[in-house]
Amino acid sequence: MRLLGQSTTTSDVNVYTGDANYVHDQGNASDTWVVTHNLNKFCSVSVVDTANTVVIGEIEYNSVNQATIKFRSSFAGKAYFN
């Protein structure tokens, strides 16, 4: 039986890997955020502005460790990578 957050090694022993996440703090207002999260996976992403209002952007996965998020206007806020 495998639980979420587990992976099987080559010796077929289950090793718990946990659920890694990353919070990007975009302090300067911008309409394009390039985020290196180093989670080694294509993450789900949620973005909020400084008022904690959810903002929808276009996400491009540059690699398993970096994403570019584009918005219609510039703002500062946070991006949550899971």
Protein backbone atom coordinates (compact mmCIF):
# COMPACT_ATOMS: atom_id res chain seq x y z
CA MET A 1 0.00 0.00 0.00
CA ARG A 2 1.31 3.44 -0.92
CA LEU A 3 0.21 6.65 0.76
CA LEU A 4 0.32 10.09 -0.80
CA GLY A 5 3.80 11.52 -0.48
CA GLN A 6 5.48 8.13 -0.70
CA SER A 7 7.70 6.71 -3.38
CA THR A 8 9.26 3.32 -3.95
CA THR A 9 13.03 2.97 -4.20
CA THR A 10 14.82 0.42 -6.39
CA SER A 11 14.96 -1.97 -3.43
CA ASP A 12 11.13 -1.75 -3.26
CA VAL A 13 11.20 -0.11 0.16
CA ASN A 14 8.69 2.69 0.70
CA VAL A 15 10.32 5.96 1.65
CA TYR A 16 8.20 8.90 2.83
CA THR A 17 9.10 12.01 0.83
CA GLY A 18 6.58 14.44 2.33
CA ASP A 19 4.74 17.16 0.48
CA ALA A 20 7.22 19.84 -0.51
CA ASN A 21 6.02 23.39 -1.12
CA TYR A 22 7.48 26.83 -1.74
CA VAL A 23 6.21 30.37 -1.13
CA HIS A 24 7.50 33.09 -3.46
CA ASP A 25 7.28 36.65 -2.13
CA GLN A 26 7.11 39.12 -5.03
CA GLY A 27 7.95 42.40 -3.29
CA ASN A 28 8.23 44.56 -6.41
CA ALA A 29 5.15 45.08 -8.57
CA SER A 30 5.50 43.27 -11.90
CA ASP A 31 3.26 41.77 -14.58
CA THR A 32 5.70 38.87 -15.10
CA TRP A 33 7.06 36.77 -12.23
CA VAL A 34 9.86 34.28 -12.89
CA VAL A 35 10.03 31.90 -9.94
CA THR A 36 12.68 29.28 -9.25
CA HIS A 37 11.17 26.94 -6.65
CA ASN A 38 13.57 23.95 -6.87
CA LEU A 39 10.84 21.43 -5.99
CA ASN A 40 11.74 19.17 -8.92
CA LYS A 41 8.11 18.85 -10.05
CA PHE A 42 5.43 20.65 -12.08
CA CYS A 43 3.59 22.36 -9.22
CA SER A 44 0.09 23.61 -8.74
CA VAL A 45 0.29 27.38 -8.22
CA SER A 46 -1.93 29.83 -6.33
CA VAL A 47 -1.29 33.58 -6.40
CA VAL A 48 -2.53 36.36 -4.13
CA ASP A 49 -1.92 40.10 -4.14
CA THR A 50 -0.90 42.12 -1.07
CA ALA A 51 -4.57 42.27 0.03
CA ASN A 52 -4.68 38.42 -0.09
CA THR A 53 -7.06 38.48 -3.07
CA VAL A 54 -6.60 35.52 -5.42
CA VAL A 55 -5.22 36.58 -8.81
CA ILE A 56 -5.39 34.46 -11.95
CA GLY A 57 -2.37 34.45 -14.25
CA GLU A 58 -0.97 32.45 -17.15
CA ILE A 59 1.57 29.90 -15.91
CA GLU A 60 4.35 28.61 -18.14
CA TYR A 61 6.48 25.79 -16.75
CA ASN A 62 10.06 26.54 -17.83
CA SER A 63 11.32 23.36 -16.15
CA VAL A 64 10.49 21.16 -13.15
CA ASN A 65 12.20 23.82 -11.01
CA GLN A 66 11.06 27.11 -12.54
CA ALA A 67 7.85 28.76 -13.72
CA THR A 68 6.93 32.08 -15.31
CA ILE A 69 3.60 33.64 -14.32
CA LYS A 70 2.16 36.43 -16.51
CA PHE A 71 -0.61 38.82 -15.46
CA ARG A 72 -2.63 41.58 -17.18
CA SER A 73 -1.26 44.24 -14.84
CA SER A 74 1.62 44.72 -12.41
CA PHE A 75 1.22 44.00 -8.71
CA ALA A 76 3.13 42.60 -5.73
CA GLY A 77 2.06 39.54 -3.76
CA LYS A 78 2.82 35.88 -3.15
CA ALA A 79 2.78 32.69 -5.19
CA TYR A 80 2.27 29.36 -3.44
CA PHE A 81 3.79 26.30 -5.14
CA ASN A 82 2.60 22.81 -4.12
